[in-house]
Protein backbone atom coordinates (compact mmCIF):
# COMPACT_ATOMS: atom_id res chain seq x y z
CA UNK A 1 -0.50 0.11 -0.09
CA UNK A 2 1.11 3.33 -1.22
CA UNK A 3 2.42 5.91 1.87
CA UNK A 4 1.99 9.86 1.76
CA UNK A 5 4.74 11.79 3.45
CA UNK A 6 5.76 16.14 3.33
CA UNK A 7 9.21 17.12 2.40
CA UNK A 8 9.52 20.36 3.50
CA UNK A 9 11.11 22.92 1.88
CA UNK A 10 13.35 25.75 2.71
CA UNK A 11 11.04 29.05 2.30
CA UNK A 12 11.82 31.72 -0.13
CA UNK A 13 10.92 35.19 0.47
CA UNK A 14 6.99 35.26 -1.41
CA UNK A 15 6.07 32.24 0.24
CA UNK A 16 2.78 32.14 1.91
CA UNK A 17 3.07 29.39 3.23
CA UNK A 18 5.90 26.85 4.14
CA UNK A 19 6.31 24.95 0.43
CA UNK A 20 6.34 21.20 0.17
CA UNK A 21 6.88 18.28 -1.94
CA UNK A 22 4.14 15.50 -1.95
CA UNK A 23 6.28 11.92 -1.69
CA UNK A 24 3.97 9.00 -2.37
CA UNK A 25 6.45 5.68 -2.04
CA UNK A 26 5.88 1.95 -1.86
CA UNK A 27 3.99 2.88 -4.42
CA UNK A 28 2.45 -0.37 -7.17
CA UNK A 29 1.86 -0.31 -10.65
CA UNK A 30 1.52 -3.19 -12.77
CA UNK A 31 1.66 -1.03 -16.16
CA UNK A 32 2.74 2.31 -17.04
CA UNK A 33 -1.10 3.07 -18.29
CA UNK A 34 -2.08 2.45 -14.99
CA UNK A 35 0.72 5.22 -13.58
CA UNK A 36 0.52 7.43 -15.92
CA UNK A 37 -3.55 7.44 -15.12
CA UNK A 38 -2.25 7.67 -11.09
CA UNK A 39 0.36 10.66 -11.82
CA UNK A 40 -2.00 12.87 -13.45
CA UNK A 41 -4.66 11.81 -10.63
CA UNK A 42 -1.43 13.03 -8.31
CA UNK A 43 -1.09 16.51 -10.61
CA UNK A 44 -4.53 17.71 -9.64
CA UNK A 45 -4.07 16.72 -5.91
CA UNK A 46 -1.16 18.39 -5.83
CA UNK A 47 -2.57 21.73 -7.10
CA UNK A 48 -4.98 21.27 -4.78
CA UNK A 49 -3.03 21.39 -1.75
CA UNK A 50 -0.40 23.42 -2.83
CA UNK A 51 2.66 21.29 -3.40
CA UNK A 52 5.08 22.04 -5.75
CA UNK A 53 5.90 18.58 -7.21
CA UNK A 54 4.60 14.93 -6.60
CA UNK A 55 7.58 12.94 -6.08
CA UNK A 56 6.33 8.58 -6.61
CA UNK A 57 8.54 6.20 -6.06
CA UNK A 58 8.26 2.37 -6.02
CA UNK A 59 10.80 2.04 -3.45
CA UNK A 60 10.60 2.84 0.32
CA UNK A 61 11.79 6.51 0.65
CA UNK A 62 12.75 7.69 3.94
CA UNK A 63 12.88 11.56 4.56
CA UNK A 64 14.63 12.01 8.32
CA UNK A 65 12.66 14.45 9.34
CA UNK A 66 9.46 12.72 9.12
CA UNK A 67 11.05 9.47 11.27
CA UNK A 68 8.48 9.19 14.41
CA UNK A 69 10.26 6.00 15.88
CA UNK A 70 11.59 7.83 18.77
CA UNK A 71 8.57 8.85 20.18
CA UNK A 72 6.70 4.93 20.06
CA UNK A 73 9.57 3.89 22.01
CA UNK A 74 8.81 4.22 26.04
CA UNK A 75 11.37 6.57 28.07
CA UNK A 76 13.88 5.85 30.17
CA UNK A 77 13.87 6.85 33.30
CA UNK A 78 17.25 6.35 34.26
CA UNK A 79 18.01 8.12 30.74
CA UNK A 80 21.42 11.26 31.13
CA UNK A 81 23.25 13.12 29.44
CA UNK A 82 27.54 12.24 30.10
CA UNK A 83 29.09 15.72 28.89
CA UNK A 84 33.13 15.36 28.32
CA UNK A 85 35.60 17.42 28.65
CA UNK A 86 38.56 15.71 27.15
CA UNK A 87 38.41 12.53 27.75
CA UNK A 88 37.30 13.39 30.98
CA UNK A 89 33.80 12.65 31.96
CA UNK A 90 32.35 15.96 33.80
CA UNK A 91 30.17 13.89 35.92
CA UNK A 92 32.71 12.48 37.55
CA UNK A 93 34.45 16.25 38.29
CA UNK A 94 31.29 17.32 39.75
CA UNK A 95 30.38 14.75 42.24
CA UNK A 96 33.96 14.84 43.24
CA UNK A 97 33.80 18.69 43.79
CA UNK A 98 30.51 17.98 45.61
CA UNK A 99 32.06 15.58 48.12
CA UNK A 100 35.17 17.68 48.61
CA UNK A 101 32.68 20.56 49.15
CA UNK A 102 29.07 19.30 50.36
CA UNK A 103 28.24 22.45 51.42
CA UNK A 104 28.82 24.69 48.56
CA UNK A 105 31.47 27.01 50.10
CA UNK A 106 33.62 28.36 47.13
């Protein structure tokens, strides 16, 4: 079954709304005549929705900006940010500074 995706384009000076391309992938066409008819139909859709172009592919097209798989995974409560300065782990330096100066005196 075909998928619809939006590929956002950079805005130009005269754009009233953000420009985009409609990308249709995983399209299955048995003959050239059915492909031609489908493309004519998508041209009408393009004109109606204001897309700059319609691109149709039989293959799967990955648009990184449309990747929402990160929202499907449950958040891990143990996630942390690791910051390094050179080859030193900053979290270890911070823990050491807190242990040596527990009351926050400079």
